[in-house]
């Protein structure tokens, strides 16, 4: 337990988080990795009110895959960031591509209703292979 000043260890881990890659255990086969992140949060840059979303990440790995603990900590970094929905989705895609160079990637931010408007943002990297669902 941290009784002194400064960030507690969890907050420090989140603040320092970055996506990390590990070797793909099956590089000779194309397969789909699918993540659902139902508790994504960020802050509206205009009002500073929180925005809530379910993020879905689907990708076909190349030589590397994203390490799950790093993804969890990285996603939690957004909770204190002022960022528009569109920028959040595209930044996550850009960072995933920079981290592990997937053959194909698709990300959807399904944001909760706010101001009577429901928003879904989708971004892709590469060409979707046949047989991979939307």
N, C-alpha and C. Protein backbone atom coordinates (compact mmCIF):
# COMPACT_ATOMS: atom_id res chain seq x y z
N UNK A 1 0.84 -1.18 0.00
CA UNK A 1 0.00 0.00 0.00
C UNK A 1 0.89 1.24 0.00
N UNK A 2 0.50 2.23 -0.79
CA UNK A 2 1.26 3.46 -0.90
C UNK A 2 0.65 4.50 0.03
N UNK A 3 1.34 4.85 1.09
CA UNK A 3 0.81 5.83 2.03
C UNK A 3 1.46 7.20 1.84
N UNK A 4 2.46 7.28 0.99
CA UNK A 4 3.15 8.54 0.77
C UNK A 4 2.58 9.31 -0.40
N UNK A 5 3.17 10.46 -0.69
CA UNK A 5 2.70 11.27 -1.81
C UNK A 5 3.05 10.61 -3.15
N UNK A 6 2.40 11.06 -4.20
CA UNK A 6 2.68 10.55 -5.53
C UNK A 6 1.67 9.50 -5.95
N UNK A 7 1.89 8.96 -7.12
CA UNK A 7 0.97 7.99 -7.69
C UNK A 7 1.15 6.62 -7.05
N UNK A 8 0.05 5.93 -6.92
CA UNK A 8 0.10 4.54 -6.49
C UNK A 8 0.64 3.71 -7.65
N UNK A 9 1.07 2.49 -7.36
CA UNK A 9 1.76 1.70 -8.39
C UNK A 9 0.90 1.44 -9.63
N UNK A 10 -0.41 1.22 -9.47
CA UNK A 10 -1.28 0.98 -10.63
C UNK A 10 -1.37 2.20 -11.53
N UNK A 11 -1.56 3.36 -10.92
CA UNK A 11 -1.64 4.60 -11.70
C UNK A 11 -0.32 4.88 -12.41
N UNK A 12 0.78 4.57 -11.74
CA UNK A 12 2.10 4.76 -12.36
C UNK A 12 2.28 3.82 -13.55
N UNK A 13 1.86 2.57 -13.41
CA UNK A 13 1.96 1.60 -14.51
C UNK A 13 1.14 2.07 -15.71
N UNK A 14 -0.07 2.57 -15.44
CA UNK A 14 -0.93 3.05 -16.53
C UNK A 14 -0.31 4.27 -17.20
N UNK A 15 0.19 5.21 -16.43
CA UNK A 15 0.78 6.43 -16.98
C UNK A 15 1.98 6.13 -17.87
N UNK A 16 2.72 5.08 -17.56
CA UNK A 16 3.93 4.73 -18.31
C UNK A 16 3.68 3.67 -19.39
N UNK A 17 2.43 3.24 -19.55
CA UNK A 17 2.12 2.12 -20.43
C UNK A 17 2.36 2.43 -21.90
N UNK A 18 2.82 1.41 -22.61
CA UNK A 18 2.93 1.45 -24.06
C UNK A 18 2.68 0.04 -24.56
N UNK A 19 2.21 -0.05 -25.78
CA UNK A 19 1.97 -1.37 -26.35
C UNK A 19 3.29 -2.09 -26.56
N UNK A 20 3.29 -3.38 -26.24
CA UNK A 20 4.47 -4.20 -26.43
C UNK A 20 4.09 -5.42 -27.27
N UNK A 21 5.04 -5.89 -28.04
CA UNK A 21 4.80 -7.04 -28.90
C UNK A 21 5.62 -8.23 -28.41
N UNK A 22 5.10 -9.43 -28.69
CA UNK A 22 5.80 -10.68 -28.44
C UNK A 22 5.74 -11.49 -29.73
N UNK A 23 6.62 -12.47 -29.88
CA UNK A 23 6.61 -13.27 -31.11
C UNK A 23 5.28 -14.00 -31.32
N UNK A 24 4.84 -14.04 -32.55
CA UNK A 24 3.63 -14.78 -32.93
C UNK A 24 3.95 -16.27 -32.80
N UNK A 25 3.18 -17.01 -31.99
CA UNK A 25 3.48 -18.43 -31.82
C UNK A 25 3.14 -19.29 -33.04
N UNK A 26 2.37 -18.75 -33.99
CA UNK A 26 2.00 -19.49 -35.20
C UNK A 26 2.16 -18.61 -36.44
N UNK A 27 3.38 -18.16 -36.73
CA UNK A 27 3.57 -17.22 -37.84
C UNK A 27 3.29 -17.81 -39.22
N UNK A 28 3.24 -19.12 -39.35
CA UNK A 28 2.99 -19.75 -40.64
C UNK A 28 1.51 -19.87 -40.99
N UNK A 29 0.64 -19.40 -40.14
CA UNK A 29 -0.81 -19.52 -40.36
C UNK A 29 -1.47 -18.16 -40.16
N UNK A 30 -2.38 -17.81 -41.06
CA UNK A 30 -3.20 -16.62 -40.84
C UNK A 30 -4.35 -16.99 -39.91
N UNK A 31 -4.52 -16.22 -38.85
CA UNK A 31 -5.62 -16.41 -37.92
C UNK A 31 -6.01 -15.05 -37.38
N UNK A 32 -7.22 -14.96 -36.86
CA UNK A 32 -7.75 -13.70 -36.38
C UNK A 32 -7.69 -13.64 -34.85
N UNK A 33 -7.18 -12.54 -34.34
CA UNK A 33 -7.22 -12.25 -32.91
C UNK A 33 -8.28 -11.18 -32.72
N UNK A 34 -9.17 -11.39 -31.77
CA UNK A 34 -10.32 -10.52 -31.57
C UNK A 34 -10.41 -10.13 -30.11
N UNK A 35 -10.34 -8.83 -29.82
CA UNK A 35 -10.46 -8.32 -28.45
C UNK A 35 -11.73 -7.49 -28.33
N UNK A 36 -12.41 -7.59 -27.21
CA UNK A 36 -13.51 -6.69 -26.88
C UNK A 36 -13.13 -6.01 -25.57
N UNK A 37 -13.19 -4.70 -25.57
CA UNK A 37 -12.83 -3.90 -24.40
C UNK A 37 -14.06 -3.09 -24.02
N UNK A 38 -14.89 -3.63 -23.09
CA UNK A 38 -16.19 -3.01 -22.82
C UNK A 38 -16.17 -1.81 -21.88
N UNK A 39 -15.03 -1.47 -21.31
CA UNK A 39 -15.00 -0.38 -20.33
C UNK A 39 -14.05 0.74 -20.74
N UNK A 40 -13.96 1.03 -22.04
CA UNK A 40 -13.11 2.11 -22.51
C UNK A 40 -13.69 3.45 -22.07
N UNK A 41 -12.82 4.34 -21.59
CA UNK A 41 -13.24 5.70 -21.24
C UNK A 41 -12.19 6.69 -21.69
N UNK A 42 -12.67 7.87 -22.02
CA UNK A 42 -11.82 9.01 -22.32
C UNK A 42 -12.61 10.27 -21.94
N UNK A 43 -12.02 11.42 -22.16
CA UNK A 43 -12.68 12.67 -21.81
C UNK A 43 -12.96 13.50 -23.05
N UNK A 44 -14.14 14.12 -23.10
CA UNK A 44 -14.47 15.02 -24.20
C UNK A 44 -13.57 16.24 -24.11
N UNK A 45 -12.89 16.60 -25.22
CA UNK A 45 -11.99 17.75 -25.17
C UNK A 45 -12.72 19.09 -25.05
N UNK A 46 -14.01 19.12 -25.33
CA UNK A 46 -14.78 20.36 -25.24
C UNK A 46 -15.32 20.55 -23.82
N UNK A 47 -16.01 19.53 -23.30
CA UNK A 47 -16.71 19.65 -22.01
C UNK A 47 -15.94 19.05 -20.84
N UNK A 48 -15.04 18.13 -21.14
CA UNK A 48 -14.31 17.34 -20.14
C UNK A 48 -15.20 16.30 -19.48
N UNK A 49 -16.42 16.10 -19.99
CA UNK A 49 -17.27 15.01 -19.50
C UNK A 49 -16.69 13.69 -20.00
N UNK A 50 -16.88 12.61 -19.24
CA UNK A 50 -16.36 11.32 -19.69
C UNK A 50 -17.19 10.74 -20.83
N UNK A 51 -16.50 10.07 -21.73
CA UNK A 51 -17.14 9.30 -22.81
C UNK A 51 -16.84 7.84 -22.54
N UNK A 52 -17.83 7.00 -22.78
CA UNK A 52 -17.71 5.56 -22.53
C UNK A 52 -17.94 4.82 -23.84
N UNK A 53 -17.19 3.75 -24.04
CA UNK A 53 -17.32 3.00 -25.28
C UNK A 53 -16.91 1.54 -25.07
N UNK A 54 -17.34 0.73 -26.03
CA UNK A 54 -16.79 -0.61 -26.18
C UNK A 54 -15.88 -0.55 -27.40
N UNK A 55 -14.63 -0.90 -27.19
CA UNK A 55 -13.66 -0.97 -28.29
C UNK A 55 -13.55 -2.42 -28.72
N UNK A 56 -13.57 -2.61 -30.01
CA UNK A 56 -13.35 -3.95 -30.58
C UNK A 56 -12.14 -3.86 -31.48
N UNK A 57 -11.21 -4.77 -31.26
CA UNK A 57 -9.98 -4.83 -32.06
C UNK A 57 -9.91 -6.22 -32.66
N UNK A 58 -9.73 -6.27 -33.95
CA UNK A 58 -9.60 -7.55 -34.66
C UNK A 58 -8.41 -7.41 -35.60
N UNK A 59 -7.51 -8.40 -35.55
CA UNK A 59 -6.37 -8.31 -36.46
C UNK A 59 -5.82 -9.69 -36.81
N UNK A 60 -5.12 -9.74 -37.94
CA UNK A 60 -4.38 -10.92 -38.37
C UNK A 60 -2.90 -10.60 -38.15
N UNK A 61 -2.26 -11.32 -37.23
CA UNK A 61 -0.87 -10.98 -36.92
C UNK A 61 0.10 -11.34 -38.02
N UNK A 62 1.21 -10.62 -38.01
CA UNK A 62 2.35 -10.96 -38.84
C UNK A 62 3.31 -11.76 -37.97
N UNK A 63 4.52 -11.26 -37.81
CA UNK A 63 5.54 -11.94 -37.02
C UNK A 63 5.35 -11.74 -35.52
N UNK A 64 4.55 -10.73 -35.13
CA UNK A 64 4.38 -10.41 -33.72
C UNK A 64 2.90 -10.28 -33.37
N UNK A 65 2.61 -10.45 -32.08
CA UNK A 65 1.28 -10.19 -31.54
C UNK A 65 1.42 -9.19 -30.40
N UNK A 66 0.33 -8.51 -30.08
CA UNK A 66 0.37 -7.56 -28.98
C UNK A 66 0.27 -8.33 -27.66
N UNK A 67 1.05 -7.94 -26.69
CA UNK A 67 1.05 -8.58 -25.38
C UNK A 67 -0.15 -8.02 -24.60
N UNK A 68 -0.96 -8.91 -24.01
CA UNK A 68 -2.25 -8.51 -23.44
C UNK A 68 -2.16 -7.55 -22.26
N UNK A 69 -1.23 -7.76 -21.35
CA UNK A 69 -1.13 -6.84 -20.22
C UNK A 69 -0.78 -5.44 -20.70
N UNK A 70 0.09 -5.34 -21.68
CA UNK A 70 0.44 -4.02 -22.21
C UNK A 70 -0.77 -3.36 -22.86
N UNK A 71 -1.62 -4.15 -23.54
CA UNK A 71 -2.84 -3.61 -24.14
C UNK A 71 -3.77 -3.08 -23.06
N UNK A 72 -3.95 -3.85 -21.99
CA UNK A 72 -4.84 -3.43 -20.90
C UNK A 72 -4.37 -2.11 -20.30
N UNK A 73 -3.10 -2.01 -19.99
CA UNK A 73 -2.57 -0.79 -19.40
C UNK A 73 -2.63 0.39 -20.38
N UNK A 74 -2.30 0.13 -21.64
CA UNK A 74 -2.35 1.16 -22.68
C UNK A 74 -3.76 1.72 -22.84
N UNK A 75 -4.74 0.84 -22.91
CA UNK A 75 -6.14 1.28 -23.07
C UNK A 75 -6.57 2.13 -21.88
N UNK A 76 -6.13 1.76 -20.69
CA UNK A 76 -6.51 2.53 -19.50
C UNK A 76 -5.89 3.93 -19.48
N UNK A 77 -4.85 4.16 -20.25
CA UNK A 77 -4.27 5.51 -20.33
C UNK A 77 -5.26 6.53 -20.87
N UNK A 78 -6.20 6.08 -21.67
CA UNK A 78 -7.15 7.01 -22.30
C UNK A 78 -8.14 7.61 -21.30
N UNK A 79 -8.28 7.02 -20.13
CA UNK A 79 -9.30 7.46 -19.17
C UNK A 79 -9.11 8.91 -18.74
N UNK A 80 -7.89 9.42 -18.79
CA UNK A 80 -7.61 10.79 -18.39
C UNK A 80 -7.27 11.70 -19.57
N UNK A 81 -7.41 11.17 -20.80
CA UNK A 81 -7.04 11.96 -21.98
C UNK A 81 -8.25 12.65 -22.58
N UNK A 82 -8.07 13.91 -22.93
CA UNK A 82 -9.09 14.64 -23.68
C UNK A 82 -8.87 14.31 -25.15
N UNK A 83 -9.84 13.61 -25.74
CA UNK A 83 -9.65 13.14 -27.11
C UNK A 83 -11.01 12.90 -27.76
N UNK A 84 -11.14 13.30 -29.01
CA UNK A 84 -12.37 13.04 -29.76
C UNK A 84 -12.46 11.55 -30.09
N UNK A 85 -13.66 11.06 -30.27
CA UNK A 85 -13.89 9.64 -30.57
C UNK A 85 -13.06 9.20 -31.78
N UNK A 86 -13.11 9.99 -32.83
CA UNK A 86 -12.42 9.63 -34.08
C UNK A 86 -10.92 9.51 -33.87
N UNK A 87 -10.36 10.44 -33.11
CA UNK A 87 -8.93 10.40 -32.86
C UNK A 87 -8.54 9.20 -32.00
N UNK A 88 -9.38 8.86 -31.02
CA UNK A 88 -9.07 7.72 -30.15
C UNK A 88 -8.98 6.43 -30.96
N UNK A 89 -9.96 6.19 -31.81
CA UNK A 89 -9.98 4.96 -32.61
C UNK A 89 -8.77 4.91 -33.55
N UNK A 90 -8.51 6.01 -34.23
CA UNK A 90 -7.40 6.04 -35.18
C UNK A 90 -6.04 5.97 -34.48
N UNK A 91 -5.91 6.54 -33.30
CA UNK A 91 -4.65 6.46 -32.56
C UNK A 91 -4.39 5.02 -32.11
N UNK A 92 -5.42 4.35 -31.63
CA UNK A 92 -5.25 2.95 -31.21
C UNK A 92 -4.81 2.10 -32.40
N UNK A 93 -5.44 2.31 -33.56
CA UNK A 93 -5.04 1.56 -34.75
C UNK A 93 -3.59 1.87 -35.12
N UNK A 94 -3.23 3.14 -35.16
CA UNK A 94 -1.85 3.52 -35.52
C UNK A 94 -0.84 2.91 -34.56
N UNK A 95 -1.15 2.93 -33.27
CA UNK A 95 -0.23 2.38 -32.27
C UNK A 95 -0.13 0.86 -32.37
N UNK A 96 -1.24 0.18 -32.67
CA UNK A 96 -1.22 -1.27 -32.86
C UNK A 96 -0.36 -1.63 -34.07
N UNK A 97 -0.53 -0.91 -35.17
CA UNK A 97 0.25 -1.17 -36.38
C UNK A 97 1.73 -0.92 -36.11
N UNK A 98 2.05 0.17 -35.42
CA UNK A 98 3.46 0.47 -35.11
C UNK A 98 4.06 -0.59 -34.19
N UNK A 99 3.25 -1.14 -33.29
CA UNK A 99 3.74 -2.12 -32.31
C UNK A 99 4.03 -3.47 -32.93
N UNK A 100 3.07 -4.00 -33.70
CA UNK A 100 3.24 -5.40 -34.11
C UNK A 100 3.04 -5.66 -35.60
N UNK A 101 2.89 -4.62 -36.42
CA UNK A 101 2.82 -4.76 -37.88
C UNK A 101 1.88 -5.89 -38.32
N UNK A 102 0.59 -5.81 -37.98
CA UNK A 102 -0.32 -6.87 -38.40
C UNK A 102 -0.52 -6.87 -39.92
N UNK A 103 -0.89 -8.01 -40.45
CA UNK A 103 -1.20 -8.11 -41.88
C UNK A 103 -2.47 -7.33 -42.20
N UNK A 104 -3.40 -7.33 -41.26
CA UNK A 104 -4.67 -6.63 -41.41
C UNK A 104 -5.18 -6.30 -40.01
N UNK A 105 -5.83 -5.16 -39.86
CA UNK A 105 -6.40 -4.79 -38.56
C UNK A 105 -7.67 -3.97 -38.76
N UNK A 106 -8.59 -4.13 -37.84
CA UNK A 106 -9.88 -3.43 -37.84
C UNK A 106 -10.18 -3.04 -36.40
N UNK A 107 -10.56 -1.80 -36.20
CA UNK A 107 -10.91 -1.32 -34.86
C UNK A 107 -12.23 -0.58 -34.94
N UNK A 108 -13.08 -0.85 -33.95
CA UNK A 108 -14.35 -0.14 -33.85
C UNK A 108 -14.49 0.43 -32.45
N UNK A 109 -14.83 1.71 -32.38
CA UNK A 109 -15.20 2.34 -31.12
C UNK A 109 -16.70 2.53 -31.13
N UNK A 110 -17.39 1.82 -30.27
CA UNK A 110 -18.85 1.89 -30.16
C UNK A 110 -19.17 2.72 -28.92
N UNK A 111 -19.35 4.02 -29.12
CA UNK A 111 -19.50 4.96 -28.01
C UNK A 111 -20.95 5.03 -27.54
N UNK A 112 -21.11 5.14 -26.23
CA UNK A 112 -22.44 5.23 -25.64
C UNK A 112 -23.14 6.51 -26.10
N UNK A 113 -24.45 6.48 -26.03
CA UNK A 113 -25.25 7.64 -26.41
C UNK A 113 -24.86 8.83 -25.54
N UNK A 114 -24.69 9.96 -26.21
CA UNK A 114 -24.43 11.22 -25.50
C UNK A 114 -25.08 12.33 -26.29
N UNK A 115 -25.90 13.13 -25.64
CA UNK A 115 -26.60 14.20 -26.34
C UNK A 115 -27.53 13.67 -27.42
N UNK A 116 -28.10 12.49 -27.17
CA UNK A 116 -29.06 11.85 -28.08
C UNK A 116 -28.41 11.33 -29.37
N UNK A 117 -27.08 11.19 -29.37
CA UNK A 117 -26.38 10.70 -30.57
C UNK A 117 -25.53 9.49 -30.20
N UNK A 118 -25.69 8.44 -30.98
CA UNK A 118 -24.91 7.20 -30.84
C UNK A 118 -23.82 7.22 -31.91
N UNK A 119 -22.58 7.01 -31.51
CA UNK A 119 -21.47 7.09 -32.44
C UNK A 119 -20.72 5.77 -32.52
N UNK A 120 -20.43 5.33 -33.75
CA UNK A 120 -19.52 4.21 -33.99
C UNK A 120 -18.47 4.70 -34.98
N UNK A 121 -17.24 4.45 -34.63
CA UNK A 121 -16.11 4.82 -35.49
C UNK A 121 -15.38 3.53 -35.83
N UNK A 122 -15.09 3.33 -37.12
CA UNK A 122 -14.34 2.15 -37.55
C UNK A 122 -13.15 2.60 -38.38
N UNK A 123 -12.03 1.94 -38.17
CA UNK A 123 -10.82 2.22 -38.94
C UNK A 123 -10.14 0.90 -39.27
N UNK A 124 -9.51 0.84 -40.43
CA UNK A 124 -8.85 -0.39 -40.85
C UNK A 124 -7.43 -0.12 -41.33
N UNK A 125 -6.66 -1.19 -41.33
CA UNK A 125 -5.29 -1.19 -41.86
C UNK A 125 -5.17 -2.40 -42.76
N UNK A 126 -4.70 -2.20 -43.99
CA UNK A 126 -4.52 -3.30 -44.92
C UNK A 126 -5.85 -3.73 -45.54
N UNK A 127 -5.76 -4.72 -46.41
CA UNK A 127 -6.95 -5.25 -47.07
C UNK A 127 -7.51 -6.42 -46.29
N UNK A 128 -8.82 -6.40 -46.07
CA UNK A 128 -9.46 -7.49 -45.34
C UNK A 128 -9.46 -8.75 -46.20
N UNK A 129 -8.86 -9.81 -45.69
CA UNK A 129 -8.84 -11.07 -46.44
C UNK A 129 -10.24 -11.67 -46.54
N UNK A 130 -10.44 -12.46 -47.55
CA UNK A 130 -11.71 -13.18 -47.71
C UNK A 130 -11.97 -14.06 -46.50
N UNK A 131 -13.22 -14.11 -46.09
CA UNK A 131 -13.59 -14.97 -44.98
C UNK A 131 -13.49 -14.33 -43.61
N UNK A 132 -12.90 -13.15 -43.52
CA UNK A 132 -12.82 -12.47 -42.23
C UNK A 132 -14.08 -11.60 -42.09
N UNK A 133 -14.89 -11.84 -41.07
CA UNK A 133 -16.14 -11.08 -40.94
C UNK A 133 -15.89 -9.62 -40.60
N UNK A 134 -16.86 -8.78 -40.96
CA UNK A 134 -16.80 -7.34 -40.61
C UNK A 134 -16.98 -7.16 -39.13
